[in-house]
Amino acid sequence: MDHSATFEDLLHARYGGAVPPAAVPEPGVFRNLLAHRSVRAFAPDPLPEGLLEALVAAAQSAPTSSNMQSWSVVAVREPGRKARLAELSAGQGFIRQAPLFLAFLADTSRLARLGQREGIELQGLHYLESLLVASIDAALAAQNVVVAAEALGYGTVYVGSLRNKPVEVAEVLKLSPGAVAMFGLCIGRPDPAVSTEIKPRLPQALVLHKEQYQTTDSAEAASVAEYDATLAAFSERQGMGAGNGWIRRMINRLATAASLSGRDTMRESVQRLGFPLR
């Protein structure tokens, strides 16, 4: 993170242009949040003892619905297991490179076992709502890890492609029925030889609605076109090719079932892993 950047500098970088009228008297944690960038190149430095446990303490400090805490995390350091997870996650090599890979689970199995010990079938676990709650809890916990790790100077990147082959991932991680890996998270020291910029986000006019949801096609189209050009310029600077804007990326990402890279069968996979989804 560039500690010389002002709060306004970071706002400009995050939106790639016009700065929203955000007023924060003491930026504090805002600086770290705005300076976030995904890191996909890691130095070989091992992580210090106790860091994993400190990061999990941060994760467990996140809000959790009804205190159910229906998530778990599997910490993976062993090179062979990381290599297998990388293979199952579209061959993303930075999973092998990162000294620590965390697989965050939506995990209702712990509650199911509690019910079994009490002699009660917890029928609420059979419904889609319970998977949604577990997934949201896992995401909240993971984001606490990202904020904590980046505050300590580590780099992170989420790995959604862990959902490409959820049944195979469950086998690698030896998951109990009722647990599914929703995403991964790489953590390590950023490779100083590889620089990354803050990726611009959509203008606030597209995501911030006051009192009621409101938009017009013409205004939305104009803002999207402006953002498309901003992201295309970012992509070119990052060596990702010219003309690689947001519109084409979204079309390519969502045009067909095949665009989901195997995740079009997620319902069936999750049901195989112990979630009835009634």
Protein backbone atom coordinates (compact mmCIF):
# COMPACT_ATOMS: atom_id res chain seq x y z
CA MET A 1 0.00 0.00 0.00
CA ASP A 2 1.21 3.50 -0.85
CA HIS A 3 1.24 5.25 2.54
CA SER A 4 1.96 8.59 0.87
CA ALA A 5 -1.40 8.54 -0.95
CA THR A 6 -4.07 10.79 0.49
CA PHE A 7 -7.61 9.64 1.18
CA GLU A 8 -8.71 11.62 -1.88
CA ASP A 9 -5.98 9.95 -3.99
CA LEU A 10 -7.30 6.54 -3.00
CA LEU A 11 -10.89 7.52 -3.76
CA HIS A 12 -9.78 8.70 -7.19
CA ALA A 13 -7.97 5.42 -7.84
CA ARG A 14 -10.90 3.33 -6.67
CA TYR A 15 -13.35 5.02 -9.03
CA GLY A 16 -10.89 5.85 -11.79
CA GLY A 17 -12.10 9.41 -12.17
CA ALA A 18 -14.80 11.44 -10.47
CA VAL A 19 -14.52 11.30 -6.70
CA PRO A 20 -17.76 10.92 -4.72
CA PRO A 21 -18.29 13.48 -1.96
CA ALA A 22 -17.13 11.16 0.83
CA ALA A 23 -16.19 12.89 4.08
CA VAL A 24 -14.26 10.93 6.70
CA PRO A 25 -12.58 13.07 9.38
CA GLU A 26 -10.18 10.29 10.44
CA PRO A 27 -9.63 7.86 7.54
CA GLY A 28 -8.05 5.13 9.69
CA VAL A 29 -9.19 1.76 8.36
CA PHE A 30 -10.73 3.48 5.31
CA ARG A 31 -7.25 3.90 3.88
CA ASN A 32 -6.62 0.15 3.98
CA LEU A 33 -10.05 -0.62 2.54
CA LEU A 34 -9.69 1.78 -0.37
CA ALA A 35 -6.14 0.63 -1.07
CA HIS A 36 -7.20 -3.01 -1.51
CA ARG A 37 -5.98 -4.76 -4.62
CA SER A 38 -5.88 -8.43 -5.54
CA VAL A 39 -2.38 -9.90 -5.36
CA ARG A 40 -1.56 -12.81 -7.66
CA ALA A 41 2.22 -12.92 -7.25
CA PHE A 42 3.67 -13.81 -3.87
CA ALA A 43 7.16 -13.73 -2.37
CA PRO A 44 8.36 -17.10 -1.03
CA ASP A 45 8.55 -15.80 2.56
CA PRO A 46 6.86 -18.17 5.01
CA LEU A 47 4.24 -16.70 7.30
CA PRO A 48 5.18 -16.30 10.97
CA GLU A 49 3.92 -18.72 13.57
CA GLY A 50 0.66 -17.63 15.10
CA LEU A 51 -0.44 -15.45 12.18
CA LEU A 52 -2.98 -18.03 10.99
CA GLU A 53 -4.59 -18.22 14.40
CA ALA A 54 -4.67 -14.41 14.68
CA LEU A 55 -6.37 -14.16 11.29
CA VAL A 56 -8.95 -16.77 12.28
CA ALA A 57 -9.63 -14.78 15.46
CA ALA A 58 -10.35 -11.79 13.21
CA ALA A 59 -12.61 -14.00 11.08
CA GLN A 60 -14.55 -15.18 14.12
CA SER A 61 -15.07 -11.57 15.16
CA ALA A 62 -17.29 -10.99 12.13
CA PRO A 63 -21.07 -10.88 12.52
CA THR A 64 -22.88 -14.21 12.26
CA SER A 65 -26.58 -14.84 11.79
CA SER A 66 -28.27 -15.87 15.07
CA ASN A 67 -24.77 -16.79 16.32
CA MET A 68 -25.05 -20.03 14.32
CA GLN A 69 -21.45 -19.65 13.11
CA SER A 70 -22.20 -22.05 10.28
CA TRP A 71 -18.87 -21.72 8.52
CA SER A 72 -15.44 -23.30 8.81
CA VAL A 73 -12.08 -22.77 7.15
CA VAL A 74 -9.43 -25.27 6.03
CA ALA A 75 -5.88 -23.89 6.06
CA VAL A 76 -3.71 -25.49 3.38
CA ARG A 77 0.08 -25.15 3.29
CA GLU A 78 1.20 -28.54 1.96
CA PRO A 79 2.53 -28.06 -1.61
CA GLY A 80 0.93 -31.15 -3.10
CA ARG A 81 -2.50 -30.31 -1.75
CA LYS A 82 -2.20 -26.70 -2.93
CA ALA A 83 -1.19 -27.97 -6.36
CA ARG A 84 -4.26 -30.19 -6.53
CA LEU A 85 -6.55 -27.35 -5.47
CA ALA A 86 -4.92 -25.12 -8.10
CA GLU A 87 -5.61 -27.78 -10.72
CA LEU A 88 -9.26 -27.92 -9.67
CA SER A 89 -9.45 -24.11 -9.73
CA ALA A 90 -8.76 -23.52 -13.42
CA GLY A 91 -5.01 -24.10 -12.98
CA GLN A 92 -4.38 -20.80 -11.20
CA GLY A 93 -0.70 -20.96 -10.34
CA PHE A 94 -0.76 -18.34 -7.61
CA ILE A 95 -2.51 -20.89 -5.37
CA ARG A 96 0.68 -22.97 -5.47
CA GLN A 97 2.81 -19.88 -4.94
CA ALA A 98 1.00 -18.43 -1.92
CA PRO A 99 2.38 -19.69 1.40
CA LEU A 100 -1.15 -20.00 2.80
CA PHE A 101 -4.38 -20.99 1.10
CA LEU A 102 -7.63 -20.81 3.04
CA ALA A 103 -10.71 -22.69 1.86
CA PHE A 104 -13.81 -21.10 3.37
CA LEU A 105 -16.71 -23.47 3.88
CA ALA A 106 -20.42 -23.07 4.21
CA ASP A 107 -20.67 -25.64 6.98
CA THR A 108 -23.94 -26.84 8.46
CA SER A 109 -22.46 -30.20 9.44
CA ARG A 110 -21.46 -28.99 12.91
CA LEU A 111 -25.06 -28.02 13.66
CA ALA A 112 -26.33 -31.32 12.22
CA ARG A 113 -23.99 -33.20 14.58
CA LEU A 114 -25.23 -31.08 17.48
CA GLY A 115 -28.80 -32.10 16.64
CA GLN A 116 -27.79 -35.74 16.42
CA ARG A 117 -26.20 -35.62 19.87
CA GLU A 118 -29.39 -34.05 21.23
CA GLY A 119 -31.57 -36.60 19.44
CA ILE A 120 -33.25 -33.95 17.27
CA GLU A 121 -33.27 -33.70 13.48
CA LEU A 122 -32.69 -30.03 12.67
CA GLN A 123 -35.04 -29.82 9.71
CA GLY A 124 -34.22 -26.16 9.12
CA LEU A 125 -30.81 -27.24 7.81
CA HIS A 126 -32.53 -28.89 4.82
CA TYR A 127 -33.60 -25.57 3.30
CA LEU A 128 -31.89 -23.18 0.91
CA GLU A 129 -31.99 -20.49 3.60
CA SER A 130 -29.47 -22.40 5.72
CA LEU A 131 -26.99 -22.62 2.84
CA LEU A 132 -27.44 -18.90 2.18
CA VAL A 133 -26.83 -18.07 5.84
CA ALA A 134 -23.74 -20.29 5.95
CA SER A 135 -22.38 -18.77 2.74
CA ILE A 136 -22.95 -15.21 3.95
CA ASP A 137 -21.31 -15.99 7.29
CA ALA A 138 -18.30 -17.47 5.48
CA ALA A 139 -17.97 -14.37 3.29
CA LEU A 140 -18.19 -11.99 6.25
CA ALA A 141 -15.54 -13.99 8.10
CA ALA A 142 -13.23 -14.09 5.09
CA GLN A 143 -13.47 -10.35 4.51
CA ASN A 144 -12.35 -9.77 8.10
CA VAL A 145 -9.30 -11.91 7.27
CA VAL A 146 -8.58 -9.80 4.19
CA VAL A 147 -8.79 -6.55 6.14
CA ALA A 148 -6.60 -7.88 8.95
CA ALA A 149 -4.01 -9.42 6.62
CA GLU A 150 -3.70 -6.30 4.47
CA ALA A 151 -3.35 -4.12 7.57
CA LEU A 152 -0.26 -6.22 8.38
CA GLY A 153 1.21 -5.76 4.89
CA TYR A 154 0.17 -9.08 3.37
CA GLY A 155 -1.47 -9.49 -0.01
CA THR A 156 -4.63 -11.47 -0.67
CA VAL A 157 -6.76 -12.72 -3.54
CA TYR A 158 -10.08 -14.53 -3.46
CA VAL A 159 -10.47 -17.70 -5.53
CA GLY A 160 -14.05 -18.21 -6.68
CA SER A 161 -12.98 -20.95 -9.08
CA LEU A 162 -12.77 -23.27 -6.09
CA ARG A 163 -16.46 -23.79 -6.93
CA ASN A 164 -15.65 -25.14 -10.41
CA LYS A 165 -15.44 -28.69 -9.07
CA PRO A 166 -16.93 -28.64 -5.56
CA VAL A 167 -17.27 -32.40 -5.18
CA GLU A 168 -13.62 -33.00 -6.08
CA VAL A 169 -12.53 -30.18 -3.76
CA ALA A 170 -14.56 -31.75 -0.96
CA GLU A 171 -12.66 -35.00 -1.53
CA VAL A 172 -9.28 -33.25 -1.36
CA LEU A 173 -10.25 -31.49 1.87
CA LYS A 174 -12.07 -34.52 3.35
CA LEU A 175 -15.20 -32.48 4.06
CA SER A 176 -18.10 -33.83 6.09
CA PRO A 177 -21.56 -34.03 4.50
CA GLY A 178 -23.11 -30.60 4.95
CA ALA A 179 -19.91 -28.70 4.20
CA VAL A 180 -18.94 -27.17 0.86
CA ALA A 181 -16.01 -24.95 -0.12
CA MET A 182 -17.53 -21.68 -1.35
CA PHE A 183 -14.28 -19.88 -2.21
CA GLY A 184 -10.61 -19.79 -1.43
CA LEU A 185 -8.27 -17.05 -0.23
CA CYS A 186 -4.53 -16.80 -0.91
CA ILE A 187 -2.38 -14.92 1.61
CA GLY A 188 1.29 -14.00 1.46
CA ARG A 189 3.80 -11.22 1.05
CA PRO A 190 3.31 -9.54 -2.33
CA ASP A 191 6.16 -10.13 -4.78
CA PRO A 192 7.89 -6.72 -4.89
CA ALA A 193 8.83 -7.29 -8.54
CA VAL A 194 5.19 -7.37 -9.61
CA SER A 195 3.22 -4.16 -9.24
CA THR A 196 -0.57 -3.99 -9.19
CA GLU A 197 -2.87 -1.02 -9.34
CA ILE A 198 -6.12 -0.43 -7.53
CA LYS A 199 -8.85 -1.73 -9.84
CA PRO A 200 -11.53 0.89 -10.52
CA ARG A 201 -15.08 0.04 -9.48
CA LEU A 202 -18.43 1.07 -10.91
CA PRO A 203 -19.41 4.70 -10.29
CA GLN A 204 -21.41 5.15 -7.10
CA ALA A 205 -24.31 6.45 -9.21
CA LEU A 206 -24.83 2.85 -10.38
CA VAL A 207 -24.75 1.14 -7.00
CA LEU A 208 -25.94 3.74 -4.46
CA HIS A 209 -29.71 4.22 -4.29
CA LYS A 210 -31.16 6.60 -1.72
CA GLU A 211 -34.47 5.62 -0.13
CA GLN A 212 -35.64 3.56 -3.13
CA TYR A 213 -34.07 1.68 -6.03
CA GLN A 214 -34.07 4.03 -8.97
CA THR A 215 -32.37 4.06 -12.34
CA THR A 216 -33.02 4.95 -15.96
CA ASP A 217 -31.72 3.05 -18.96
CA SER A 218 -30.10 6.11 -20.51
CA ALA A 219 -28.32 7.24 -17.35
CA GLU A 220 -27.21 3.69 -16.56
CA ALA A 221 -25.95 3.11 -20.09
CA ALA A 222 -23.92 6.32 -20.01
CA SER A 223 -22.32 5.48 -16.65
CA VAL A 224 -21.59 1.91 -17.73
CA ALA A 225 -19.95 3.16 -20.95
CA GLU A 226 -17.79 5.56 -18.95
CA TYR A 227 -16.75 2.79 -16.59
CA ASP A 228 -16.10 0.43 -19.49
CA ALA A 229 -13.53 2.87 -20.87
CA THR A 230 -11.96 3.35 -17.44
CA LEU A 231 -11.57 -0.39 -16.87
CA ALA A 232 -10.25 -0.93 -20.40
CA ALA A 233 -7.51 1.63 -19.73
CA PHE A 234 -6.70 -0.08 -16.42
CA SER A 235 -6.49 -3.47 -18.13
CA GLU A 236 -4.14 -2.15 -20.78
CA ARG A 237 -1.85 -0.63 -18.15
CA GLN A 238 -1.81 -3.98 -16.35
CA GLY A 239 -0.82 -5.86 -19.51
CA MET A 240 -4.20 -7.56 -19.89
CA GLY A 241 -4.69 -6.41 -23.48
CA ALA A 242 -6.31 -3.44 -25.16
CA GLY A 243 -10.08 -3.04 -25.24
CA ASN A 244 -10.60 -5.34 -22.28
CA GLY A 245 -13.41 -3.36 -20.67
CA TRP A 246 -16.22 -4.27 -18.31
CA ILE A 247 -19.02 -4.80 -20.83
CA ARG A 248 -17.24 -7.46 -22.86
CA ARG A 249 -16.01 -9.17 -19.70
CA MET A 250 -19.54 -9.43 -18.32
CA ILE A 251 -20.91 -10.72 -21.63
CA ASN A 252 -18.18 -13.36 -21.82
CA ARG A 253 -18.64 -14.29 -18.17
CA LEU A 254 -22.41 -14.80 -18.30
CA ALA A 255 -23.44 -15.42 -21.91
CA THR A 256 -23.90 -19.20 -21.66
CA ALA A 257 -23.95 -21.98 -19.11
CA ALA A 258 -20.48 -22.96 -20.32
CA SER A 259 -19.28 -19.49 -19.26
CA LEU A 260 -19.76 -20.59 -15.65
CA SER A 261 -16.84 -23.03 -15.93
CA GLY A 262 -18.67 -25.97 -14.40
CA ARG A 263 -20.61 -23.99 -11.84
CA ASP A 264 -23.83 -24.41 -13.83
CA THR A 265 -24.19 -27.75 -12.00
CA MET A 266 -23.68 -26.16 -8.56
CA ARG A 267 -27.15 -27.12 -7.30
CA GLU A 268 -26.57 -30.80 -8.04
CA SER A 269 -23.06 -30.69 -6.57
CA VAL A 270 -24.21 -29.02 -3.36
CA GLN A 271 -27.02 -31.56 -2.99
CA ARG A 272 -24.46 -34.37 -3.36
CA LEU A 273 -22.48 -32.75 -0.56
CA GLY A 274 -25.38 -32.93 1.88
CA PHE A 275 -27.55 -29.87 1.28
CA PRO A 276 -31.12 -30.90 0.28
CA LEU A 277 -32.00 -27.28 -0.71
CA ARG A 278 -35.74 -27.59 -0.10
